Protein backbone atom coordinates (compact mmCIF):
# COMPACT_ATOMS: atom_id res chain seq x y z
CA UNK A 1 -47.46 -19.93 30.10
CA UNK A 2 -46.86 -16.28 30.91
CA UNK A 3 -45.50 -13.86 28.34
CA UNK A 4 -42.28 -13.50 30.34
CA UNK A 5 -41.77 -17.25 30.46
CA UNK A 6 -42.49 -17.53 26.73
CA UNK A 7 -40.00 -14.75 26.00
CA UNK A 8 -37.31 -16.45 28.09
CA UNK A 9 -37.95 -19.73 26.32
CA UNK A 10 -37.60 -18.10 22.89
CA UNK A 11 -34.39 -16.34 23.95
CA UNK A 12 -32.91 -19.62 25.16
CA UNK A 13 -33.80 -21.31 21.86
CA UNK A 14 -32.22 -18.48 19.89
CA UNK A 15 -28.98 -18.67 21.91
CA UNK A 16 -28.87 -22.42 21.39
CA UNK A 17 -29.13 -21.94 17.61
CA UNK A 18 -26.33 -19.35 17.69
CA UNK A 19 -24.12 -21.72 19.67
CA UNK A 20 -24.86 -24.55 17.23
CA UNK A 21 -24.01 -22.34 14.25
CA UNK A 22 -20.76 -21.32 15.89
CA UNK A 23 -19.84 -24.99 16.29
CA UNK A 24 -20.56 -25.62 12.59
CA UNK A 25 -18.37 -22.77 11.31
CA UNK A 26 -14.62 -22.79 11.95
CA UNK A 27 -13.43 -19.20 12.06
CA UNK A 28 -9.76 -20.20 12.44
CA UNK A 29 -8.01 -20.91 9.10
CA UNK A 30 -6.10 -24.07 10.04
CA UNK A 31 -5.13 -25.27 6.53
CA UNK A 32 -3.23 -23.57 3.73
CA UNK A 33 -2.93 -24.00 -0.03
CA UNK A 34 -0.52 -22.01 -2.19
CA UNK A 35 0.48 -21.63 -5.79
CA UNK A 36 3.20 -19.69 -7.63
CA UNK A 37 1.99 -17.63 -10.59
CA UNK A 38 4.58 -16.41 -13.13
CA UNK A 39 4.12 -14.09 -16.07
CA UNK A 40 6.27 -11.80 -18.25
CA UNK A 41 5.25 -8.91 -20.49
CA UNK A 42 7.21 -6.95 -23.08
CA UNK A 43 6.36 -3.25 -22.88
CA UNK A 44 7.29 0.13 -24.33
CA UNK A 45 9.65 2.52 -22.53
CA UNK A 46 6.71 4.78 -21.50
CA UNK A 47 4.40 1.97 -20.34
CA UNK A 48 2.50 1.76 -17.04
CA UNK A 49 2.27 -1.17 -14.66
CA UNK A 50 -0.80 -1.19 -12.38
CA UNK A 51 -1.36 -3.73 -9.60
CA UNK A 52 -4.49 -3.74 -7.45
CA UNK A 53 -4.13 -6.09 -4.49
CA UNK A 54 -6.47 -6.82 -1.58
CA UNK A 55 -4.25 -8.68 0.89
CA UNK A 56 -0.51 -9.20 0.59
CA UNK A 57 2.72 -7.47 -0.35
CA UNK A 58 3.94 -5.79 -3.54
CA UNK A 59 7.72 -5.51 -3.94
CA UNK A 60 9.11 -3.83 -7.07
CA UNK A 61 12.77 -3.61 -8.16
CA UNK A 62 14.30 -2.59 -11.51
CA UNK A 63 15.07 -5.25 -14.07
CA UNK A 64 16.84 -5.16 -17.42
CA UNK A 65 15.61 -4.73 -20.97
CA UNK A 66 11.96 -4.10 -21.80
CA UNK A 67 10.34 -6.98 -19.92
CA UNK A 68 8.14 -6.94 -16.82
CA UNK A 69 8.62 -10.14 -14.83
CA UNK A 70 6.00 -11.08 -12.22
CA UNK A 71 6.24 -13.83 -9.62
CA UNK A 72 3.10 -13.91 -7.48
CA UNK A 73 2.55 -16.30 -4.61
CA UNK A 74 -1.15 -17.01 -4.13
CA UNK A 75 -2.09 -18.22 -0.64
CA UNK A 76 -5.49 -19.47 0.51
CA UNK A 77 -6.28 -20.36 4.13
CA UNK A 78 -9.37 -22.12 5.45
CA UNK A 79 -10.60 -24.54 8.08
CA UNK A 80 -9.60 -27.66 6.10
CA UNK A 81 -7.25 -28.68 3.28
CA UNK A 82 -10.23 -29.21 0.97
CA UNK A 83 -11.67 -25.76 1.72
CA UNK A 84 -8.29 -24.07 1.24
CA UNK A 85 -7.77 -25.79 -2.13
CA UNK A 86 -11.28 -24.83 -3.23
CA UNK A 87 -10.72 -21.19 -2.26
CA UNK A 88 -7.45 -21.16 -4.22
CA UNK A 89 -9.16 -22.70 -7.25
CA UNK A 90 -12.05 -20.23 -7.08
CA UNK A 91 -9.81 -17.15 -7.11
CA UNK A 92 -7.81 -15.69 -9.96
CA UNK A 93 -5.38 -12.94 -10.83
CA UNK A 94 -7.09 -10.93 -13.52
CA UNK A 95 -4.78 -9.50 -16.16
CA UNK A 96 -5.00 -7.01 -18.97
CA UNK A 97 -1.86 -6.42 -21.02
CA UNK A 98 -0.66 -4.44 -23.99
CA UNK A 99 2.63 -2.83 -25.01
CA UNK A 100 1.63 0.39 -23.25
CA UNK A 101 -0.12 -0.95 -20.16
CA UNK A 102 -0.16 -3.99 -17.88
CA UNK A 103 -2.84 -4.24 -15.18
CA UNK A 104 -3.16 -7.03 -12.61
CA UNK A 105 -6.02 -7.36 -10.12
CA UNK A 106 -6.19 -9.89 -7.28
CA UNK A 107 -9.18 -10.14 -5.00
CA UNK A 108 -11.64 -12.70 -3.66
CA UNK A 109 -15.35 -12.19 -3.11
CA UNK A 110 -15.27 -14.99 -0.47
CA UNK A 111 -12.42 -13.47 1.54
CA UNK A 112 -12.99 -13.62 5.29
CA UNK A 113 -16.24 -15.65 5.08
CA UNK A 114 -16.37 -18.70 7.30
CA UNK A 115 -12.80 -18.24 8.49
CA UNK A 116 -11.20 -18.08 5.03
CA UNK A 117 -8.31 -15.86 3.99
CA UNK A 118 -6.78 -15.13 0.59
CA UNK A 119 -3.66 -13.13 -0.19
CA UNK A 120 -1.21 -12.56 -3.00
CA UNK A 121 2.44 -11.59 -2.54
CA UNK A 122 3.93 -9.98 -5.66
CA UNK A 123 7.62 -9.82 -6.57
CA UNK A 124 8.14 -7.63 -9.61
CA UNK A 125 11.14 -6.79 -11.79
CA UNK A 126 10.43 -4.18 -14.43
CA UNK A 127 12.12 -1.56 -16.64
CA UNK A 128 12.98 1.25 -14.22
CA UNK A 129 11.64 4.08 -16.39
CA UNK A 130 8.02 2.91 -16.65
CA UNK A 131 5.25 4.33 -14.46
CA UNK A 132 3.94 2.40 -11.46
CA UNK A 133 0.41 2.52 -10.07
CA UNK A 134 0.23 0.20 -7.04
CA UNK A 135 -2.55 -0.24 -4.49
CA UNK A 136 -3.31 -2.60 -1.61
CA UNK A 137 -6.13 -2.82 0.90
CA UNK A 138 -4.13 -4.68 3.54
CA UNK A 139 -0.41 -5.03 3.02
CA UNK A 140 2.96 -3.44 2.36
CA UNK A 141 4.17 -1.82 -0.85
CA UNK A 142 7.94 -1.47 -1.33
CA UNK A 143 9.61 0.14 -4.37
CA UNK A 144 13.40 0.38 -4.75
CA UNK A 145 15.76 2.28 -7.11
CA UNK A 146 13.00 3.59 -9.36
CA UNK A 147 13.43 6.30 -12.01
CA UNK A 148 9.85 6.58 -13.31
CA UNK A 149 6.68 7.92 -11.72
CA UNK A 150 5.49 6.04 -8.64
CA UNK A 151 1.90 6.18 -7.41
CA UNK A 152 1.12 3.92 -4.46
CA UNK A 153 -1.74 3.69 -1.99
CA UNK A 154 -2.98 1.47 0.83
CA UNK A 155 -5.89 1.36 3.24
CA UNK A 156 -4.16 -0.53 6.03
CA UNK A 157 -0.47 -0.92 5.37
CA UNK A 158 3.01 0.53 5.06
CA UNK A 159 4.38 2.32 2.01
CA UNK A 160 8.15 2.26 1.47
CA UNK A 161 10.37 3.65 -1.25
CA UNK A 162 14.15 3.94 -1.56
CA UNK A 163 16.40 5.35 -4.26
CA UNK A 164 13.46 7.04 -5.99
CA UNK A 165 14.19 9.53 -8.79
CA UNK A 166 10.80 10.21 -10.34
CA UNK A 167 7.53 11.85 -9.36
CA UNK A 168 6.06 10.27 -6.21
CA UNK A 169 2.45 10.19 -5.00
CA UNK A 170 1.91 8.09 -1.85
CA UNK A 171 -1.19 7.85 0.34
CA UNK A 172 -2.49 5.54 3.05
CA UNK A 173 -5.30 5.59 5.60
CA UNK A 174 -3.74 3.60 8.43
CA UNK A 175 -0.01 3.03 8.22
CA UNK A 176 3.37 4.69 8.03
CA UNK A 177 5.11 6.06 4.95
CA UNK A 178 8.91 5.99 4.56
CA UNK A 179 10.42 7.50 1.41
CA UNK A 180 14.09 8.00 0.53
CA UNK A 181 14.68 9.98 -2.65
CA UNK A 182 17.83 9.80 -4.75
CA UNK A 183 16.70 12.93 -6.65
CA UNK A 184 13.83 15.39 -6.54
CA UNK A 185 11.90 15.14 -9.82
CA UNK A 186 10.37 18.09 -11.64
CA UNK A 187 6.81 17.19 -10.59
CA UNK A 188 7.79 16.77 -6.96
CA UNK A 189 6.43 14.60 -4.17
CA UNK A 190 2.97 14.35 -2.62
CA UNK A 191 2.50 12.27 0.54
CA UNK A 192 -0.65 11.89 2.62
CA UNK A 193 -1.84 9.64 5.45
CA UNK A 194 -4.67 9.76 7.98
CA UNK A 195 -3.21 7.74 10.86
CA UNK A 196 0.53 7.17 10.78
CA UNK A 197 3.92 8.79 10.74
CA UNK A 198 5.61 10.07 7.59
CA UNK A 199 9.33 10.25 6.87
CA UNK A 200 10.76 11.76 3.67
CA UNK A 201 14.50 11.90 2.98
CA UNK A 202 15.92 14.21 0.29
CA UNK A 203 19.42 14.80 -1.07
CA UNK A 204 20.92 17.79 0.76
CA UNK A 205 21.51 19.66 -2.51
CA UNK A 206 17.84 19.45 -3.56
CA UNK A 207 16.25 22.74 -4.64
CA UNK A 208 12.56 23.33 -4.09
CA UNK A 209 9.97 23.86 -1.41
CA UNK A 210 8.65 21.84 1.51
CA UNK A 211 5.05 22.16 2.69
CA UNK A 212 4.00 20.06 5.70
CA UNK A 213 0.65 19.96 7.49
CA UNK A 214 -0.42 17.99 10.56
CA UNK A 215 -3.55 18.00 12.74
CA UNK A 216 -2.37 15.98 15.74
CA UNK A 217 1.39 15.48 15.80
CA UNK A 218 4.74 17.15 15.20
CA UNK A 219 6.68 18.48 12.19
CA UNK A 220 10.46 18.21 11.98
CA UNK A 221 12.73 19.44 9.15
CA UNK A 222 16.41 18.66 9.62
CA UNK A 223 19.68 18.39 7.71
CA UNK A 224 18.52 20.71 4.91
CA UNK A 225 19.38 24.29 3.98
CA UNK A 226 15.85 25.47 4.74
CA UNK A 227 14.49 29.03 4.89
CA UNK A 228 11.26 28.73 6.93
CA UNK A 229 8.29 30.98 6.22
CA UNK A 230 7.61 33.55 9.00
CA UNK A 231 3.95 32.51 8.98
CA UNK A 232 4.68 28.92 10.06
CA UNK A 233 2.67 27.42 12.91
CA UNK A 234 2.81 24.19 14.91
CA UNK A 235 0.43 22.59 12.43
CA UNK A 236 1.76 24.04 9.17
CA UNK A 237 5.35 24.40 8.00
CA UNK A 238 6.62 25.85 4.73
CA UNK A 239 10.22 26.46 3.69
CA UNK A 240 12.41 27.14 0.68
CA UNK A 241 15.20 24.56 0.23
CA UNK A 242 18.48 25.81 -1.22
CA UNK A 243 16.82 28.91 -2.62
CA UNK A 244 13.39 27.41 -3.28
CA UNK A 245 13.55 27.32 -7.08
CA UNK A 246 12.28 23.87 -8.00
CA UNK A 247 9.70 21.18 -7.23
CA UNK A 248 7.50 21.00 -4.13
CA UNK A 249 7.45 18.29 -1.49
CA UNK A 250 4.00 18.23 0.12
CA UNK A 251 3.47 16.07 3.21
CA UNK A 252 0.25 15.83 5.21
CA UNK A 253 -1.06 13.64 8.04
CA UNK A 254 -3.99 13.88 10.44
CA UNK A 255 -2.65 11.83 13.34
CA UNK A 256 1.10 11.26 13.40
CA UNK A 257 4.49 12.89 13.06
CA UNK A 258 6.18 14.29 9.94
CA UNK A 259 9.94 14.23 9.40
CA UNK A 260 11.67 15.71 6.35
CA UNK A 261 15.45 15.34 6.39
CA UNK A 262 18.46 15.79 4.17
CA UNK A 263 20.93 13.06 3.36
């Protein structure tokens, strides 16, 4: 047998093995198992809630009293009912809690292998004055009517906030950011994304400064009593708002548009 013929024979055998392996592994998650996870924590007025999520949503709204209430829906998907139930059983929400800090972590080391998927959707009610530190790899984070500090980040996902009154730090790699502030806090706002548009809405009577930077995209500032810097360019915009004495709103994106508006 010639070397060429031998090589062709080996290649054919290899392709046959690949095809056989593909038949053995179902990459489409056809079955689903889910479970509702509920917890509550009593915390101090200056406590911090941290949630680290891989896949899924995090929605936070203010509650009453001094209790954090968590309802998390855990969802596992796989090629069969048995595999989905096993994935759900093999994964956990890790928790660490004290009066000053509550931290929840949800992830799966088996995620995405052999057509499996695992996600957790959080619904949170918490005392509005506590600090939030929220992160997701793939998913949306949404915070409403919050008075404390909000720090949120995502790799692939949307960040949303409405009625915010505290310090805000929001960053994502791929996804849009929409923030609507009810007040501009003393420590200001810092927003950053790599690929995605950014929209920040401020009360018209806010006093402070706006600094916006973009690499590929546009910058728009509207509905505010803004005094633009004479050194502004297409890629960098700076302005004093209602006199400029106050906090700074910093917004930056690499690819996308920036809009800062008054309401």
